[in-house]
Amino acid sequence: MQQITFLQVDDLTRTDDFYGNHLGLEMVLDQGACHIYRVGEDAFLGFCDHKDGPAPNGIIVTLVRDDVDAFCAQLEEAGVEIESGPKANERFQIYQAFVRDPDGYLIEIQRFDDPRWPQT
């Protein structure tokens, strides 16, 4: 499984300069409003322009899985409420669902349909 933590930012250009040029992280996917950087083999940071819709608490933890439907069914069987989805998001070429953790943080379960996404 791959993992992405998404953060809302005010200025993607400034963020790209800091994480790409100063910290030396590799941008693996530019989705326009969101830029995703690799921080480990299966770990990523995503930065999204907050003007495209801020996340509650400003953070989304994303778990990348091929089996979104099956995993959501497993979560529902365990009593976890699916807040949204699973459904296709054509803008970002993903298939996604959302749940919340016990503290209200948004957890996204997603599959990339974008062929540019690095596979493990």
PDB file of N, CA and C in Angstrom:
ATOM      1  N   MET A   1       0.845  -1.173   0.000  1.00  0.00           N
ATOM      2  CA  MET A   1       0.000   0.000   0.000  1.00  0.00           C
ATOM      3  C   MET A   1       0.891   1.237   0.000  1.00  0.00           C
ATOM      4  N   GLN A   2       0.492   2.245  -0.752  1.00  0.00           N
ATOM      5  CA  GLN A   2       1.168   3.536  -0.743  1.00  0.00           C
ATOM      6  C   GLN A   2       0.370   4.502   0.125  1.00  0.00           C
ATOM      7  N   GLN A   3       1.042   5.551   0.622  1.00  0.00           N
ATOM      8  CA  GLN A   3       0.377   6.511   1.503  1.00  0.00           C
ATOM      9  C   GLN A   3       0.750   7.919   1.078  1.00  0.00           C
ATOM     10  N   ILE A   4      -0.252   8.807   1.062  1.00  0.00           N
ATOM     11  CA  ILE A   4      -0.041  10.221   0.742  1.00  0.00           C
ATOM     12  C   ILE A   4      -0.686  11.050   1.842  1.00  0.00           C
ATOM     13  N   THR A   5       0.018  12.051   2.335  1.00  0.00           N
ATOM     14  CA  THR A   5      -0.573  13.043   3.223  1.00  0.00           C
ATOM     15  C   THR A   5      -0.727  14.320   2.413  1.00  0.00           C
ATOM     16  N   PHE A   6      -1.963  14.795   2.277  1.00  0.00           N
ATOM     17  CA  PHE A   6      -2.242  16.012   1.527  1.00  0.00           C
ATOM     18  C   PHE A   6      -2.372  17.188   2.479  1.00  0.00           C
ATOM     19  N   LEU A   7      -1.737  18.287   2.120  1.00  0.00           N
ATOM     20  CA  LEU A   7      -1.805  19.529   2.886  1.00  0.00           C
ATOM     21  C   LEU A   7      -2.301  20.640   1.970  1.00  0.00           C
ATOM     22  N   GLN A   8      -3.129  21.514   2.506  1.00  0.00           N
ATOM     23  CA  GLN A   8      -3.617  22.674   1.763  1.00  0.00           C
ATOM     24  C   GLN A   8      -2.597  23.803   1.884  1.00  0.00           C
ATOM     25  N   VAL A   9      -2.290  24.463   0.764  1.00  0.00           N
ATOM     26  CA  VAL A   9      -1.287  25.529   0.772  1.00  0.00           C
ATOM     27  C   VAL A   9      -1.832  26.781   0.098  1.00  0.00           C
ATOM     28  N   ASP A  10      -1.214  27.912   0.431  1.00  0.00           N
ATOM     29  CA  ASP A  10      -1.610  29.194  -0.153  1.00  0.00           C
ATOM     30  C   ASP A  10      -0.976  29.450  -1.511  1.00  0.00           C
ATOM     31  N   ASP A  11       0.225  28.916  -1.745  1.00  0.00           N
ATOM     32  CA  ASP A  11       0.986  29.254  -2.944  1.00  0.00           C
ATOM     33  C   ASP A  11       1.768  28.023  -3.402  1.00  0.00           C
ATOM     34  N   LEU A  12       1.267  27.345  -4.442  1.00  0.00           N
ATOM     35  CA  LEU A  12       1.934  26.136  -4.928  1.00  0.00           C
ATOM     36  C   LEU A  12       3.338  26.418  -5.449  1.00  0.00           C
ATOM     37  N   THR A  13       3.548  27.551  -6.074  1.00  0.00           N
ATOM     38  CA  THR A  13       4.876  27.882  -6.595  1.00  0.00           C
ATOM     39  C   THR A  13       5.883  27.987  -5.462  1.00  0.00           C
ATOM     40  N   ARG A  14       5.519  28.676  -4.403  1.00  0.00           N
ATOM     41  CA  ARG A  14       6.403  28.804  -3.240  1.00  0.00           C
ATOM     42  C   ARG A  14       6.635  27.436  -2.597  1.00  0.00           C
ATOM     43  N   THR A  15       5.584  26.639  -2.516  1.00  0.00           N
ATOM     44  CA  THR A  15       5.697  25.293  -1.947  1.00  0.00           C
ATOM     45  C   THR A  15       6.610  24.423  -2.799  1.00  0.00           C
ATOM     46  N   ASP A  16       6.453  24.483  -4.132  1.00  0.00           N
ATOM     47  CA  ASP A  16       7.318  23.718  -5.034  1.00  0.00           C
ATOM     48  C   ASP A  16       8.777  24.108  -4.860  1.00  0.00           C
ATOM     49  N   ASP A  17       9.034  25.388  -4.731  1.00  0.00           N
ATOM     50  CA  ASP A  17      10.407  25.860  -4.551  1.00  0.00           C
ATOM     51  C   ASP A  17      11.006  25.278  -3.270  1.00  0.00           C
ATOM     52  N   PHE A  18      10.243  25.315  -2.188  1.00  0.00           N
ATOM     53  CA  PHE A  18      10.761  24.836  -0.912  1.00  0.00           C
ATOM     54  C   PHE A  18      11.001  23.327  -0.931  1.00  0.00           C
ATOM     55  N   TYR A  19       9.971  22.562  -1.289  1.00  0.00           N
ATOM     56  CA  TYR A  19      10.085  21.100  -1.213  1.00  0.00           C
ATOM     57  C   TYR A  19      10.939  20.522  -2.342  1.00  0.00           C
ATOM     58  N   GLY A  20      10.862  21.115  -3.522  1.00  0.00           N
ATOM     59  CA  GLY A  20      11.648  20.612  -4.647  1.00  0.00           C
ATOM     60  C   GLY A  20      13.077  21.101  -4.642  1.00  0.00           C
ATOM     61  N   ASN A  21      13.265  22.407  -4.554  1.00  0.00           N
ATOM     62  CA  ASN A  21      14.609  22.980  -4.652  1.00  0.00           C
ATOM     63  C   ASN A  21      15.381  22.949  -3.346  1.00  0.00           C
ATOM     64  N   HIS A  22      14.736  23.267  -2.248  1.00  0.00           N
ATOM     65  CA  HIS A  22      15.460  23.336  -0.976  1.00  0.00           C
ATOM     66  C   HIS A  22      15.570  21.982  -0.278  1.00  0.00           C
ATOM     67  N   LEU A  23      14.482  21.202  -0.280  1.00  0.00           N
ATOM     68  CA  LEU A  23      14.530  19.895   0.379  1.00  0.00           C
ATOM     69  C   LEU A  23      14.931  18.770  -0.569  1.00  0.00           C
ATOM     70  N   GLY A  24      14.913  19.046  -1.864  1.00  0.00           N
ATOM     71  CA  GLY A  24      15.363  18.063  -2.843  1.00  0.00           C
ATOM     72  C   GLY A  24      14.404  16.917  -3.102  1.00  0.00           C
ATOM     73  N   LEU A  25      13.115  17.108  -2.815  1.00  0.00           N
ATOM     74  CA  LEU A  25      12.142  16.050  -3.071  1.00  0.00           C
ATOM     75  C   LEU A  25      11.749  16.033  -4.543  1.00  0.00           C
ATOM     76  N   GLU A  26      11.462  14.841  -5.050  1.00  0.00           N
ATOM     77  CA  GLU A  26      11.074  14.661  -6.444  1.00  0.00           C
ATOM     78  C   GLU A  26       9.559  14.776  -6.586  1.00  0.00           C
ATOM     79  N   MET A  27       9.111  15.686  -7.481  1.00  0.00           N
ATOM     80  CA  MET A  27       7.685  15.753  -7.788  1.00  0.00           C
ATOM     81  C   MET A  27       7.371  14.584  -8.723  1.00  0.00           C
ATOM     82  N   VAL A  28       6.433  13.735  -8.311  1.00  0.00           N
ATOM     83  CA  VAL A  28       6.103  12.571  -9.125  1.00  0.00           C
ATOM     84  C   VAL A  28       4.819  12.760  -9.923  1.00  0.00           C
ATOM     85  N   LEU A  29       3.993  13.746  -9.535  1.00  0.00           N
ATOM     86  CA  LEU A  29       2.757  13.977 -10.269  1.00  0.00           C
ATOM     87  C   LEU A  29       2.287  15.410 -10.080  1.00  0.00           C
ATOM     88  N   ASP A  30       2.085  16.093 -11.206  1.00  0.00           N
ATOM     89  CA  ASP A  30       1.528  17.444 -11.214  1.00  0.00           C
ATOM     90  C   ASP A  30       0.101  17.328 -11.734  1.00  0.00           C
ATOM     91  N   GLN A  31      -0.872  17.523 -10.853  1.00  0.00           N
ATOM     92  CA  GLN A  31      -2.280  17.439 -11.224  1.00  0.00           C
ATOM     93  C   GLN A  31      -2.885  18.826 -11.433  1.00  0.00           C
ATOM     94  N   GLY A  32      -2.049  19.821 -11.588  1.00  0.00           N
ATOM     95  CA  GLY A  32      -2.538  21.179 -11.730  1.00  0.00           C
ATOM     96  C   GLY A  32      -2.728  21.815 -10.372  1.00  0.00           C
ATOM     97  N   ALA A  33      -3.864  21.561  -9.737  1.00  0.00           N
ATOM     98  CA  ALA A  33      -4.153  22.149  -8.427  1.00  0.00           C
ATOM     99  C   ALA A  33      -3.466  21.408  -7.290  1.00  0.00           C
ATOM    100  N   CYS A  34      -2.937  20.209  -7.561  1.00  0.00           N
ATOM    101  CA  CYS A  34      -2.218  19.427  -6.546  1.00  0.00           C
ATOM    102  C   CYS A  34      -0.901  18.924  -7.120  1.00  0.00           C
ATOM    103  N   HIS A  35       0.150  19.009  -6.328  1.00  0.00           N
ATOM    104  CA  HIS A  35       1.472  18.493  -6.698  1.00  0.00           C
ATOM    105  C   HIS A  35       1.874  17.462  -5.659  1.00  0.00           C
ATOM    106  N   ILE A  36       2.337  16.295  -6.131  1.00  0.00           N
ATOM    107  CA  ILE A  36       2.664  15.197  -5.219  1.00  0.00           C
ATOM    108  C   ILE A  36       4.153  14.887  -5.301  1.00  0.00           C
ATOM    109  N   TYR A  37       4.790  14.828  -4.120  1.00  0.00           N
ATOM    110  CA  TYR A  37       6.230  14.579  -3.991  1.00  0.00           C
ATOM    111  C   TYR A  37       6.477  13.255  -3.285  1.00  0.00           C
ATOM    112  N   ARG A  38       7.511  12.551  -3.740  1.00  0.00           N
ATOM    113  CA  ARG A  38       7.917  11.302  -3.090  1.00  0.00           C
ATOM    114  C   ARG A  38       8.825  11.636  -1.912  1.00  0.00           C
ATOM    115  N   VAL A  39       8.523  11.033  -0.748  1.00  0.00           N
ATOM    116  CA  VAL A  39       9.389  11.196   0.428  1.00  0.00           C
ATOM    117  C   VAL A  39       9.978   9.862   0.867  1.00  0.00           C
ATOM    118  N   GLY A  40       9.506   8.774   0.293  1.00  0.00           N
ATOM    119  CA  GLY A  40      10.006   7.433   0.575  1.00  0.00           C
ATOM    120  C   GLY A  40       9.505   6.517  -0.519  1.00  0.00           C
ATOM    121  N   GLU A  41       9.882   5.250  -0.460  1.00  0.00           N
ATOM    122  CA  GLU A  41       9.498   4.324  -1.527  1.00  0.00           C
ATOM    123  C   GLU A  41       7.992   4.313  -1.768  1.00  0.00           C
ATOM    124  N   ASP A  42       7.210   4.250  -0.704  1.00  0.00           N
ATOM    125  CA  ASP A  42       5.754   4.205  -0.814  1.00  0.00           C
ATOM    126  C   ASP A  42       5.071   5.332  -0.054  1.00  0.00           C
ATOM    127  N   ALA A  43       5.801   6.410   0.231  1.00  0.00           N
ATOM    128  CA  ALA A  43       5.260   7.526   1.011  1.00  0.00           C
ATOM    129  C   ALA A  43       5.398   8.824   0.226  1.00  0.00           C
ATOM    130  N   PHE A  44       4.342   9.641   0.277  1.00  0.00           N
ATOM    131  CA  PHE A  44       4.284  10.851  -0.529  1.00  0.00           C
ATOM    132  C   PHE A  44       3.660  11.997   0.267  1.00  0.00           C
ATOM    133  N   LEU A  45       4.017  13.224  -0.117  1.00  0.00           N
ATOM    134  CA  LEU A  45       3.358  14.435   0.364  1.00  0.00           C
ATOM    135  C   LEU A  45       2.670  15.076  -0.830  1.00  0.00           C
ATOM    136  N   GLY A  46       1.403  15.438  -0.655  1.00  0.00           N
ATOM    137  CA  GLY A  46       0.671  16.135  -1.693  1.00  0.00           C
ATOM    138  C   GLY A  46       0.314  17.524  -1.204  1.00  0.00           C
ATOM    139  N   PHE A  47       0.477  18.500  -2.070  1.00  0.00           N
ATOM    140  CA  PHE A  47       0.154  19.884  -1.730  1.00  0.00           C
ATOM    141  C   PHE A  47      -0.899  20.376  -2.709  1.00  0.00           C
ATOM    142  N   CYS A  48      -2.016  20.884  -2.176  1.00  0.00           N
ATOM    143  CA  CYS A  48      -3.121  21.335  -3.011  1.00  0.00           C
ATOM    144  C   CYS A  48      -3.432  22.796  -2.731  1.00  0.00           C
ATOM    145  N   ASP A  49      -3.701  23.512  -3.805  1.00  0.00           N
ATOM    146  CA  ASP A  49      -4.088  24.914  -3.702  1.00  0.00           C
ATOM    147  C   ASP A  49      -5.398  24.985  -2.928  1.00  0.00           C
ATOM    148  N   HIS A  50      -5.387  25.640  -1.788  1.00  0.00           N
ATOM    149  CA  HIS A  50      -6.576  25.666  -0.931  1.00  0.00           C
ATOM    150  C   HIS A  50      -7.755  26.363  -1.582  1.00  0.00           C
ATOM    151  N   LYS A  51      -7.529  27.143  -2.608  1.00  0.00           N
ATOM    152  CA  LYS A  51      -8.631  27.823  -3.286  1.00  0.00           C
ATOM    153  C   LYS A  51      -9.531  26.828  -4.021  1.00  0.00           C
ATOM    154  N   ASP A  52      -9.026  25.592  -4.247  1.00  0.00           N
ATOM    155  CA  ASP A  52      -9.833  24.560  -4.902  1.00  0.00           C
ATOM    156  C   ASP A  52     -10.641  23.750  -3.901  1.00  0.00           C
ATOM    157  N   GLY A  53     -10.754  24.216  -2.682  1.00  0.00           N
ATOM    158  CA  GLY A  53     -11.582  23.546  -1.693  1.00  0.00           C
ATOM    159  C   GLY A  53     -10.781  23.031  -0.530  1.00  0.00           C
ATOM    160  N   PRO A  54     -10.743  23.784   0.548  1.00  0.00           N
ATOM    161  CA  PRO A  54      -9.950  23.362   1.701  1.00  0.00           C
ATOM    162  C   PRO A  54     -10.502  22.102   2.350  1.00  0.00           C
ATOM    163  N   ALA A  55      -9.599  21.297   2.848  1.00  0.00           N
ATOM    164  CA  ALA A  55      -9.989  20.092   3.582  1.00  0.00           C
ATOM    165  C   ALA A  55     -10.267  20.462   5.030  1.00  0.00           C
ATOM    166  N   PRO A  56     -11.188  19.774   5.666  1.00  0.00           N
ATOM    167  CA  PRO A  56     -11.366  20.002   7.100  1.00  0.00           C
ATOM    168  C   PRO A  56     -10.047  19.755   7.820  1.00  0.00           C
ATOM    169  N   ASN A  57      -9.682  20.612   8.710  1.00  0.00           N
ATOM    170  CA  ASN A  57      -8.420  20.554   9.444  1.00  0.00           C
ATOM    171  C   ASN A  57      -7.207  20.761   8.542  1.00  0.00           C
ATOM    172  N   GLY A  58      -7.413  20.987   7.237  1.00  0.00           N
ATOM    173  CA  GLY A  58      -6.309  21.236   6.323  1.00  0.00           C
ATOM    174  C   GLY A  58      -5.482  20.021   5.971  1.00  0.00           C
ATOM    175  N   ILE A  59      -5.889  18.829   6.383  1.00  0.00           N
ATOM    176  CA  ILE A  59      -5.099  17.623   6.155  1.00  0.00           C
ATOM    177  C   ILE A  59      -6.003  16.518   5.625  1.00  0.00           C
ATOM    178  N   ILE A  60      -5.514  15.798   4.619  1.00  0.00           N
ATOM    179  CA  ILE A  60      -6.159  14.569   4.167  1.00  0.00           C
ATOM    180  C   ILE A  60      -5.081  13.497   4.139  1.00  0.00           C
ATOM    181  N   VAL A  61      -5.323  12.385   4.798  1.00  0.00           N
ATOM    182  CA  VAL A  61      -4.426  11.236   4.717  1.00  0.00           C
ATOM    183  C   VAL A  61      -5.017  10.299   3.671  1.00  0.00           C
ATOM    184  N   THR A  62      -4.217   9.974   2.658  1.00  0.00           N
ATOM    185  CA  THR A  62      -4.682   9.144   1.554  1.00  0.00           C
ATOM    186  C   THR A  62      -3.962   7.808   1.557  1.00  0.00           C
ATOM    187  N   LEU A  63      -4.746   6.740   1.481  1.00  0.00           N
ATOM    188  CA  LEU A  63      -4.202   5.396   1.341  1.00  0.00           C
ATOM    189  C   LEU A  63      -4.455   4.953  -0.093  1.00  0.00           C
ATOM    190  N   VAL A  64      -3.392   4.651  -0.821  1.00  0.00           N
ATOM    191  CA  VAL A  64      -3.499   4.258  -2.221  1.00  0.00           C
ATOM    192  C   VAL A  64      -3.587   2.737  -2.287  1.00  0.00           C
ATOM    193  N   ARG A  65      -4.705   2.257  -2.831  1.00  0.00           N
ATOM    194  CA  ARG A  65      -4.957   0.814  -2.932  1.00  0.00           C
ATOM    195  C   ARG A  65      -5.631   0.533  -4.266  1.00  0.00           C
ATOM    196  N   ASP A  66      -5.367  -0.631  -4.826  1.00  0.00           N
ATOM    197  CA  ASP A  66      -6.051  -1.030  -6.054  1.00  0.00           C
ATOM    198  C   ASP A  66      -7.479  -1.489  -5.785  1.00  0.00           C
ATOM    199  N   ASP A  67      -7.750  -1.956  -4.567  1.00  0.00           N
ATOM    200  CA  ASP A  67      -9.025  -2.588  -4.226  1.00  0.00           C
ATOM    201  C   ASP A  67      -9.948  -1.667  -3.426  1.00  0.00           C
ATOM    202  N   VAL A  68     -10.225  -0.485  -3.946  1.00  0.00           N
ATOM    203  CA  VAL A  68     -11.012   0.514  -3.217  1.00  0.00           C
ATOM    204  C   VAL A  68     -12.380  -0.041  -2.812  1.00  0.00           C
ATOM    205  N   ASP A  69     -13.095  -0.659  -3.745  1.00  0.00           N
ATOM    206  CA  ASP A  69     -14.438  -1.165  -3.435  1.00  0.00           C
ATOM    207  C   ASP A  69     -14.401  -2.234  -2.348  1.00  0.00           C
ATOM    208  N   ALA A  70     -13.503  -3.188  -2.482  1.00  0.00           N
ATOM    209  CA  ALA A  70     -13.410  -4.273  -1.496  1.00  0.00           C
ATOM    210  C   ALA A  70     -12.997  -3.735  -0.131  1.00  0.00           C
ATOM    211  N   PHE A  71     -12.066  -2.789  -0.118  1.00  0.00           N
ATOM    212  CA  PHE A  71     -11.615  -2.229   1.153  1.00  0.00           C
ATOM    213  C   PHE A  71     -12.741  -1.447   1.826  1.00  0.00           C
ATOM    214  N   CYS A  72     -13.509  -0.691   1.040  1.00  0.00           N
ATOM    215  CA  CYS A  72     -14.643   0.051   1.609  1.00  0.00           C
ATOM    216  C   CYS A  72     -15.693  -0.908   2.164  1.00  0.00           C
ATOM    217  N   ALA A  73     -15.932  -2.014   1.475  1.00  0.00           N
ATOM    218  CA  ALA A  73     -16.880  -3.008   1.984  1.00  0.00           C
ATOM    219  C   ALA A  73     -16.390  -3.571   3.316  1.00  0.00           C
ATOM    220  N   GLN A  74     -15.098  -3.816   3.410  1.00  0.00           N
ATOM    221  CA  GLN A  74     -14.502  -4.314   4.660  1.00  0.00           C
ATOM    222  C   GLN A  74     -14.675  -3.288   5.780  1.00  0.00           C
ATOM    223  N   LEU A  75     -14.460  -2.008   5.467  1.00  0.00           N
ATOM    224  CA  LEU A  75     -14.629  -0.955   6.466  1.00  0.00           C
ATOM    225  C   LEU A  75     -16.081  -0.881   6.940  1.00  0.00           C
ATOM    226  N   GLU A  76     -17.017  -0.939   5.990  1.00  0.00           N
ATOM    227  CA  GLU A  76     -18.440  -0.883   6.352  1.00  0.00           C
ATOM    228  C   GLU A  76     -18.833  -2.059   7.239  1.00  0.00           C
ATOM    229  N   GLU A  77     -18.324  -3.239   6.916  1.00  0.00           N
ATOM    230  CA  GLU A  77     -18.610  -4.419   7.742  1.00  0.00           C
ATOM    231  C   GLU A  77     -18.098  -4.232   9.166  1.00  0.00           C
ATOM    232  N   ALA A  78     -17.032  -3.437   9.312  1.00  0.00           N
ATOM    233  CA  ALA A  78     -16.460  -3.170  10.638  1.00  0.00           C
ATOM    234  C   ALA A  78     -17.153  -2.001  11.335  1.00  0.00           C
ATOM    235  N   GLY A  79     -18.181  -1.418  10.682  1.00  0.00           N
ATOM    236  CA  GLY A  79     -18.927  -0.334  11.300  1.00  0.00           C
ATOM    237  C   GLY A  79     -18.432   1.058  10.975  1.00  0.00           C
ATOM    238  N   VAL A  80     -17.502   1.179  10.024  1.00  0.00           N
ATOM    239  CA  VAL A  80     -16.993   2.493   9.623  1.00  0.00           C
ATOM    240  C   VAL A  80     -17.928   3.064   8.561  1.00  0.00           C
ATOM    241  N   GLU A  81     -18.383   4.296   8.777  1.00  0.00           N
ATOM    242  CA  GLU A  81     -19.276   4.948   7.818  1.00  0.00           C
ATOM    243  C   GLU A  81     -18.470   5.494   6.645  1.00  0.00           C
ATOM    244  N   ILE A  82     -18.905   5.163   5.430  1.00  0.00           N
ATOM    245  CA  ILE A  82     -18.296   5.719   4.225  1.00  0.00           C
ATOM    246  C   ILE A  82     -18.956   7.075   3.998  1.00  0.00           C
ATOM    247  N   GLU A  83     -18.176   8.138   4.084  1.00  0.00           N
ATOM    248  CA  GLU A  83     -18.721   9.491   3.967  1.00  0.00           C
ATOM    249  C   GLU A  83     -19.055   9.845   2.527  1.00  0.00           C
ATOM    250  N   SER A  84     -18.242   9.368   1.589  1.00  0.00           N
ATOM    251  CA  SER A  84     -18.434   9.687   0.182  1.00  0.00           C
ATOM    252  C   SER A  84     -17.802   8.589  -0.665  1.00  0.00           C
ATOM    253  N   GLY A  85     -18.486   8.230  -1.764  1.00  0.00           N
ATOM    254  CA  GLY A  85     -17.927   7.256  -2.691  1.00  0.00           C
ATOM    255  C   GLY A  85     -18.240   5.832  -2.285  1.00  0.00           C
ATOM    256  N   PRO A  86     -17.514   4.924  -2.894  1.00  0.00           N
ATOM    257  CA  PRO A  86     -16.466   5.084  -3.906  1.00  0.00           C
ATOM    258  C   PRO A  86     -17.035   5.601  -5.230  1.00  0.00           C
ATOM    259  N   LYS A  87     -16.251   6.471  -5.858  1.00  0.00           N
ATOM    260  CA  LYS A  87     -16.664   7.035  -7.142  1.00  0.00           C
ATOM    261  C   LYS A  87     -15.443   7.547  -7.892  1.00  0.00           C
ATOM    262  N   ALA A  88     -15.617   7.705  -9.201  1.00  0.00           N
ATOM    263  CA  ALA A  88     -14.544   8.220 -10.057  1.00  0.00           C
ATOM    264  C   ALA A  88     -14.442   9.730  -9.905  1.00  0.00           C
ATOM    265  N   ASN A  89     -13.225  10.232  -9.918  1.00  0.00           N
ATOM    266  CA  ASN A  89     -12.949  11.663  -9.942  1.00  0.00           C
ATOM    267  C   ASN A  89     -12.144  11.897 -11.216  1.00  0.00           C
ATOM    268  N   GLU A  90     -12.846  12.292 -12.272  1.00  0.00           N
ATOM    269  CA  GLU A  90     -12.214  12.448 -13.586  1.00  0.00           C
ATOM    270  C   GLU A  90     -11.150  13.541 -13.595  1.00  0.00           C
ATOM    271  N   ARG A  91     -11.368  14.604 -12.828  1.00  0.00           N
ATOM    272  CA  ARG A  91     -10.420  15.725 -12.826  1.00  0.00           C
ATOM    273  C   ARG A  91      -9.016  15.266 -12.462  1.00  0.00           C
ATOM    274  N   PHE A  92      -8.911  14.408 -11.435  1.00  0.00           N
ATOM    275  CA  PHE A  92      -7.604  13.958 -10.971  1.00  0.00           C
ATOM    276  C   PHE A  92      -7.285  12.530 -11.411  1.00  0.00           C
ATOM    277  N   GLN A  93      -8.137  11.929 -12.232  1.00  0.00           N
ATOM    278  CA  GLN A  93      -7.951  10.567 -12.739  1.00  0.00           C
ATOM    279  C   GLN A  93      -7.734   9.567 -11.601  1.00  0.00           C
ATOM    280  N   ILE A  94      -8.670   9.594 -10.645  1.00  0.00           N
ATOM    281  CA  ILE A  94      -8.602   8.684  -9.506  1.00  0.00           C
ATOM    282  C   ILE A  94      -9.984   8.090  -9.259  1.00  0.00           C
ATOM    283  N   TYR A  95     -10.011   7.027  -8.497  1.00  0.00           N
ATOM    284  CA  TYR A  95     -11.233   6.404  -7.999  1.00  0.00           C
ATOM    285  C   TYR A  95     -11.114   6.458  -6.491  1.00  0.00           C
ATOM    286  N   GLN A  96     -12.101   7.056  -5.786  1.00  0.00           N
ATOM    287  CA  GLN A  96     -11.883   7.405  -4.389  1.00  0.00           C
ATOM    288  C   GLN A  96     -13.116   7.228  -3.518  1.00  0.00           C
ATOM    289  N   ALA A  97     -12.836   7.109  -2.233  1.00  0.00           N
ATOM    290  CA  ALA A  97     -13.863   7.122  -1.194  1.00  0.00           C
ATOM    291  C   ALA A  97     -13.271   7.851   0.006  1.00  0.00           C
ATOM    292  N   PHE A  98     -14.149   8.366   0.866  1.00  0.00           N
ATOM    293  CA  PHE A  98     -13.700   9.087   2.055  1.00  0.00           C
ATOM    294  C   PHE A  98     -14.375   8.530   3.300  1.00  0.00           C
ATOM    295  N   VAL A  99     -13.588   8.437   4.372  1.00  0.00           N
ATOM    296  CA  VAL A  99     -14.080   8.107   5.706  1.00  0.00           C
ATOM    297  C   VAL A  99     -13.434   9.100   6.664  1.00  0.00           C
ATOM    298  N   ARG A 100     -13.875   9.092   7.912  1.00  0.00           N
ATOM    299  CA  ARG A 100     -13.239   9.936   8.932  1.00  0.00           C
ATOM    300  C   ARG A 100     -12.709   9.050  10.045  1.00  0.00           C
ATOM    301  N   ASP A 101     -11.568   9.476  10.589  1.00  0.00           N
ATOM    302  CA  ASP A 101     -11.039   8.750  11.744  1.00  0.00           C
ATOM    303  C   ASP A 101     -11.789   9.220  12.992  1.00  0.00           C
ATOM    304  N   PRO A 102     -11.535   8.616  14.144  1.00  0.00           N
ATOM    305  CA  PRO A 102     -12.273   8.989  15.359  1.00  0.00           C
ATOM    306  C   PRO A 102     -12.122  10.448  15.777  1.00  0.00           C
ATOM    307  N   ASP A 103     -11.069  11.136  15.303  1.00  0.00           N
ATOM    308  CA  ASP A 103     -10.883  12.547  15.638  1.00  0.00           C
ATOM    309  C   ASP A 103     -11.393  13.484  14.554  1.00  0.00           C
ATOM    310  N   GLY A 104     -12.015  12.935  13.521  1.00  0.00           N
ATOM    311  CA  GLY A 104     -12.599  13.757  12.475  1.00  0.00           C
ATOM    312  C   GLY A 104     -11.693  14.046  11.298  1.00  0.00           C
ATOM    313  N   TYR A 105     -10.474  13.496  11.290  1.00  0.00           N
ATOM    314  CA  TYR A 105      -9.593  13.710  10.143  1.00  0.00           C
ATOM    315  C   TYR A 105     -10.116  12.940   8.937  1.00  0.00           C
ATOM    316  N   LEU A 106      -9.987  13.548   7.774  1.00  0.00           N
ATOM    317  CA  LEU A 106     -10.466  12.953   6.543  1.00  0.00           C
ATOM    318  C   LEU A 106      -9.449  11.936   6.031  1.00  0.00           C
ATOM    319  N   ILE A 107      -9.922  10.719   5.786  1.00  0.00           N
ATOM    320  CA  ILE A 107      -9.093   9.645   5.253  1.00  0.00           C
ATOM    321  C   ILE A 107      -9.642   9.306   3.872  1.00  0.00           C
ATOM    322  N   GLU A 108      -8.782   9.385   2.869  1.00  0.00           N
ATOM    323  CA  GLU A 108      -9.169   9.066   1.500  1.00  0.00           C
ATOM    324  C   GLU A 108      -8.598   7.698   1.136  1.00  0.00           C
ATOM    325  N   ILE A 109      -9.444   6.865   0.562  1.00  0.00           N
ATOM    326  CA  ILE A 109      -9.015   5.580   0.019  1.00  0.00           C
ATOM    327  C   ILE A 109      -9.096   5.757  -1.491  1.00  0.00           C
ATOM    328  N   GLN A 110      -7.969   5.613  -2.194  1.00  0.00           N
ATOM    329  CA  GLN A 110      -8.022   5.905  -3.625  1.00  0.00           C
ATOM    330  C   GLN A 110      -7.141   4.986  -4.442  1.00  0.00           C
ATOM    331  N   ARG A 111      -7.538   4.901  -5.717  1.00  0.00           N
ATOM    332  CA  ARG A 111      -6.750   4.218  -6.740  1.00  0.00           C
ATOM    333  C   ARG A 111      -6.442   5.250  -7.815  1.00  0.00           C
ATOM    334  N   PHE A 112      -5.193   5.304  -8.251  1.00  0.00           N
ATOM    335  CA  PHE A 112      -4.831   6.185  -9.354  1.00  0.00           C
ATOM    336  C   PHE A 112      -5.160   5.499 -10.671  1.00  0.00           C
ATOM    337  N   ASP A 113      -5.910   6.178 -11.534  1.00  0.00           N
ATOM    338  CA  ASP A 113      -6.138   5.712 -12.894  1.00  0.00           C
ATOM    339  C   ASP A 113      -5.232   6.461 -13.863  1.00  0.00           C
ATOM    340  N   ASP A 114      -4.476   7.407 -13.356  1.00  0.00           N
ATOM    341  CA  ASP A 114      -3.523   8.201 -14.131  1.00  0.00           C
ATOM    342  C   ASP A 114      -2.267   7.355 -14.355  1.00  0.00           C
ATOM    343  N   PRO A 115      -1.921   7.051 -15.611  1.00  0.00           N
ATOM    344  CA  PRO A 115      -0.758   6.197 -15.873  1.00  0.00           C
ATOM    345  C   PRO A 115       0.570   6.819 -15.444  1.00  0.00           C
ATOM    346  N   ARG A 116       0.577   8.108 -15.141  1.00  0.00           N
ATOM    347  CA  ARG A 116       1.827   8.752 -14.697  1.00  0.00           C
ATOM    348  C   ARG A 116       2.167   8.428 -13.251  1.00  0.00           C
ATOM    349  N   TRP A 117       1.218   7.876 -12.484  1.00  0.00           N
ATOM    350  CA  TRP A 117       1.463   7.589 -11.074  1.00  0.00           C
ATOM    351  C   TRP A 117       2.490   6.473 -10.932  1.00  0.00           C
ATOM    352  N   PRO A 118       3.518   6.659 -10.073  1.00  0.00           N
ATOM    353  CA  PRO A 118       4.536   5.614  -9.900  1.00  0.00           C
ATOM    354  C   PRO A 118       3.970   4.386  -9.181  1.00  0.00           C
ATOM    355  N   GLN A 119       4.098   3.244  -9.804  1.00  0.00           N
ATOM    356  CA  GLN A 119       3.637   1.981  -9.221  1.00  0.00           C
ATOM    357  C   GLN A 119       4.756   1.354  -8.403  1.00  0.00           C
ATOM    358  N   THR A 120       4.376   0.564  -7.415  1.00  0.00           N
ATOM    359  CA  THR A 120       5.397  -0.138  -6.624  1.00  0.00           C
ATOM    360  C   THR A 120       5.499  -1.576  -7.063  1.00  0.00           C
TER     361      THR A 120
END
